[in-house]
Protein backbone atom coordinates (compact mmCIF):
# COMPACT_ATOMS: atom_id res chain seq x y z
CA MET A 1 -47.42 -20.45 -0.30
CA ARG A 2 -47.74 -22.94 2.52
CA LEU A 3 -50.94 -21.51 4.03
CA ASN A 4 -52.84 -21.84 0.76
CA LYS A 5 -51.59 -25.41 0.20
CA LEU A 6 -52.38 -26.32 3.79
CA GLY A 7 -55.86 -24.86 3.31
CA LEU A 8 -56.36 -27.03 0.22
CA GLN A 9 -55.27 -30.14 2.13
CA GLN A 10 -57.66 -29.30 4.95
CA LEU A 11 -60.46 -28.62 2.48
CA ASN A 12 -59.89 -32.01 0.87
CA THR A 13 -60.09 -33.73 4.26
CA GLY A 14 -63.24 -31.88 5.32
CA LYS A 15 -61.60 -29.55 7.86
CA LEU A 16 -63.45 -26.54 6.50
CA LYS A 17 -62.96 -24.09 9.38
CA GLU A 18 -59.22 -24.69 9.48
CA ALA A 19 -59.06 -24.45 5.69
CA LEU A 20 -60.91 -21.13 5.72
CA ASP A 21 -58.59 -19.76 8.42
CA ASN A 22 -55.54 -20.66 6.33
CA PHE A 23 -57.06 -19.26 3.13
CA GLU A 24 -57.88 -16.00 4.89
CA GLN A 25 -54.35 -15.69 6.24
CA ALA A 26 -52.91 -16.51 2.81
CA LEU A 27 -55.19 -13.94 1.18
CA ALA A 28 -54.17 -11.23 3.65
CA ILE A 29 -50.49 -11.90 3.02
CA ARG A 30 -50.90 -12.08 -0.74
CA LYS A 31 -52.80 -8.78 -0.78
CA GLN A 32 -50.18 -7.18 1.42
CA ILE A 33 -47.32 -8.21 -0.88
CA ARG A 34 -49.42 -7.51 -4.02
CA TYR A 35 -49.15 -11.07 -5.33
CA LYS A 36 -52.13 -10.85 -7.69
CA SER A 37 -52.13 -14.36 -9.16
CA GLY A 38 -51.88 -15.86 -5.68
CA GLU A 39 -54.66 -13.55 -4.52
CA GLY A 40 -56.89 -14.72 -7.37
CA ALA A 41 -56.16 -18.37 -6.63
CA THR A 42 -56.90 -17.94 -2.93
CA LEU A 43 -60.17 -16.13 -3.66
CA ASN A 44 -61.07 -19.05 -5.92
CA ASN A 45 -60.22 -21.51 -3.13
CA ILE A 46 -62.40 -19.63 -0.66
CA GLY A 47 -65.21 -19.78 -3.21
CA PHE A 48 -64.68 -23.52 -3.62
CA LEU A 49 -64.80 -23.97 0.16
CA LEU A 50 -68.02 -21.95 0.39
CA LYS A 51 -69.44 -24.14 -2.36
CA ALA A 52 -68.76 -27.17 -0.15
CA GLN A 53 -70.70 -25.35 2.58
CA LYS A 54 -73.58 -24.80 0.13
CA GLN A 55 -73.44 -20.99 0.23
CA PRO A 56 -73.94 -20.14 -3.47
CA ARG A 57 -74.33 -16.38 -3.03
CA LEU A 58 -71.03 -16.12 -1.18
CA VAL A 59 -69.38 -18.45 -3.69
CA ILE A 60 -70.41 -16.04 -6.45
CA VAL A 61 -68.92 -13.09 -4.55
CA PHE A 62 -65.53 -14.79 -4.17
CA TYR A 63 -65.46 -16.26 -7.67
CA LYS A 64 -66.25 -12.80 -9.07
CA GLN A 65 -63.39 -11.31 -7.08
CA SER A 66 -61.12 -14.04 -8.37
CA VAL A 67 -62.16 -13.40 -11.99
CA SER A 68 -61.73 -9.64 -11.52
CA THR A 69 -58.22 -10.25 -10.22
CA TYR A 70 -57.45 -12.54 -13.16
CA GLU A 71 -58.72 -9.86 -15.56
CA GLN A 72 -56.31 -7.33 -14.04
CA ILE A 73 -53.46 -9.79 -14.56
CA ARG A 74 -54.55 -10.55 -18.12
CA GLU A 75 -54.24 -6.87 -19.03
CA GLN A 76 -50.60 -6.97 -17.97
CA LEU A 77 -49.85 -10.19 -19.86
CA ARG A 78 -50.57 -8.87 -23.35
CA THR A 79 -46.89 -8.27 -24.02
CA LEU A 80 -45.91 -11.86 -23.25
CA PRO A 81 -45.48 -14.52 -25.94
CA LYS A 82 -48.73 -16.21 -27.00
CA GLN A 83 -47.71 -19.55 -25.52
CA GLN A 84 -47.43 -18.03 -22.05
CA GLN A 85 -50.73 -16.21 -22.47
CA GLU A 86 -52.41 -19.48 -23.49
CA SER A 87 -50.92 -21.24 -20.49
CA TYR A 88 -52.27 -18.54 -18.19
CA THR A 89 -55.75 -18.74 -19.74
CA LYS A 90 -55.83 -22.52 -19.28
CA THR A 91 -54.81 -22.09 -15.65
CA VAL A 92 -57.67 -19.74 -14.78
CA ALA A 93 -60.41 -20.92 -17.18
CA SER A 94 -62.01 -23.25 -14.63
CA THR A 95 -62.74 -20.32 -12.31
CA TYR A 96 -64.58 -18.49 -15.11
CA ARG A 97 -66.55 -21.63 -15.99
CA ASN A 98 -67.37 -22.44 -12.36
CA LEU A 99 -68.65 -18.90 -11.85
CA ALA A 100 -70.72 -19.01 -15.05
CA ASN A 101 -72.24 -22.39 -14.10
CA LEU A 102 -73.17 -21.13 -10.66
CA LEU A 103 -74.70 -17.94 -12.08
CA ILE A 104 -76.79 -20.05 -14.46
CA LYS A 105 -78.00 -22.20 -11.55
CA GLU A 106 -78.98 -19.00 -9.75
CA ASP A 107 -80.86 -17.88 -12.91
CA ARG A 108 -78.45 -14.99 -13.50
CA ILE A 109 -78.03 -15.73 -17.19
CA LEU A 110 -76.78 -12.32 -18.35
CA GLU A 111 -74.02 -12.29 -15.76
CA ALA A 112 -73.05 -15.83 -16.74
CA GLN A 113 -72.86 -14.76 -20.38
CA GLN A 114 -70.63 -11.84 -19.44
CA VAL A 115 -68.22 -14.14 -17.59
CA LEU A 116 -68.08 -16.55 -20.52
CA ASP A 117 -67.53 -13.61 -22.89
CA LEU A 118 -64.53 -12.53 -20.80
CA LEU A 119 -63.10 -16.03 -21.12
CA LYS A 120 -63.77 -16.15 -24.88
CA ILE A 121 -62.04 -12.79 -25.32
CA GLN A 122 -59.06 -14.13 -23.40
CA GLU A 123 -58.93 -17.23 -25.57
CA LEU A 124 -59.29 -15.22 -28.78
CA GLU A 125 -56.56 -12.80 -27.76
CA ASN A 126 -54.25 -15.78 -27.41
CA TYR A 127 -54.73 -16.63 -31.09
CA LEU A 128 -55.38 -13.31 -32.80
CA THR A 129 -53.10 -10.36 -32.27
CA ASN A 130 -55.56 -7.61 -33.18
CA VAL A 131 -58.48 -8.75 -30.99
CA ARG A 132 -58.96 -6.49 -28.01
CA GLY A 133 -61.12 -7.01 -24.98
CA SER A 134 -64.42 -5.20 -24.70
CA GLY A 135 -63.14 -3.10 -21.81
CA GLU A 136 -66.11 -4.24 -19.76
CA LYS A 137 -65.52 -5.20 -16.20
CA LEU A 138 -67.36 -7.90 -14.36
CA VAL A 139 -70.54 -6.55 -12.76
CA ILE A 140 -70.44 -6.65 -8.97
CA LEU A 141 -73.93 -6.23 -7.51
CA LYS A 142 -74.59 -3.91 -4.55
CA PRO A 143 -75.15 -6.76 -2.03
CA GLU A 144 -71.93 -8.38 -3.23
CA GLU A 145 -70.06 -5.09 -2.76
CA GLU A 146 -71.38 -4.88 0.79
CA ILE A 147 -70.25 -8.43 1.54
CA LEU A 148 -66.80 -7.68 0.14
CA LYS A 149 -66.55 -4.44 2.10
CA GLU A 150 -67.49 -6.17 5.35
CA TYR A 151 -65.10 -9.03 4.61
CA SER A 152 -62.27 -6.58 3.89
CA LEU A 153 -62.91 -4.75 7.16
CA LEU A 154 -62.89 -8.02 9.10
CA GLN A 155 -59.71 -9.09 7.38
CA GLU A 156 -58.03 -5.73 8.05
CA SER A 157 -59.03 -5.96 11.70
CA ALA A 158 -57.62 -9.49 11.93
CA ILE A 159 -54.35 -8.35 10.36
CA ASN A 160 -54.04 -5.47 12.82
CA LEU A 161 -54.74 -7.77 15.78
CA GLY A 162 -52.15 -10.22 14.45
CA ILE A 163 -49.57 -7.45 14.17
CA GLU A 164 -50.33 -6.30 17.71
CA LEU A 165 -50.02 -9.86 19.03
CA THR A 166 -46.71 -10.35 17.23
CA LYS A 167 -45.30 -7.14 18.72
CA LEU A 168 -46.40 -8.13 22.22
CA ARG A 169 -44.95 -11.63 21.87
CA LYS A 170 -41.58 -10.13 20.92
CA ILE A 171 -41.37 -8.61 24.38
CA PRO A 172 -39.58 -11.14 26.62
CA ALA A 173 -42.09 -12.80 28.99
CA LYS A 174 -40.25 -11.57 32.09
CA ASP A 175 -40.40 -7.95 30.84
CA ARG A 176 -44.14 -7.87 30.04
CA THR A 177 -46.45 -5.74 32.14
CA GLU A 178 -49.65 -7.18 33.55
CA THR A 179 -51.63 -5.18 30.97
CA GLN A 180 -49.52 -6.64 28.16
CA LYS A 181 -50.04 -10.18 29.48
CA GLN A 182 -53.80 -9.62 29.63
CA ARG A 183 -53.83 -8.20 26.12
CA ILE A 184 -51.91 -11.22 24.79
CA ALA A 185 -54.48 -13.51 26.43
CA GLU A 186 -57.32 -11.48 24.86
CA LEU A 187 -55.72 -11.56 21.42
CA VAL A 188 -55.06 -15.30 21.62
CA PHE A 189 -58.68 -15.86 22.64
CA ILE A 190 -59.89 -13.77 19.68
CA GLU A 191 -57.52 -15.63 17.37
CA VAL A 192 -58.86 -19.08 18.30
CA SER A 193 -62.52 -18.02 18.38
């Protein structure tokens, strides 16, 4: 997806606000179309961006969401050939390790161990057919849940405003009422703020 790639380019050049805007748009679209692997990757990218901003608690929240998304995908991949499962595990392993390292730095050792266990289970499943995951999900702490809930509400609001703006812009300029013109101006102002 272009927005995610553009966000990565902006992140690499230090344009963090623009990168975050593109990641958030990409995430909204990927959630809307239920593109789970893209959603997980974008959550990881947001975490990486927040790491650059030195916000470890928020990084943990987004890395955990990314890992949770990857775990959902992993459950669906069990029927694929082992080579494809191994390829998938290699693709997402860095997110698990980054999360575990950050949890260790934050002195959250048990959570870090759980994340590494999830990765080990994934790797073992790739090699042994009768190994099954523990069924445990990644622990999301109450403050992290609140952050995610607030973020989801903000994102939903932004999506709704974007939809409203798109509908208003489809009305030919000469046919717009004064109220519609004012609303477009308000929405554009909100969008760039």
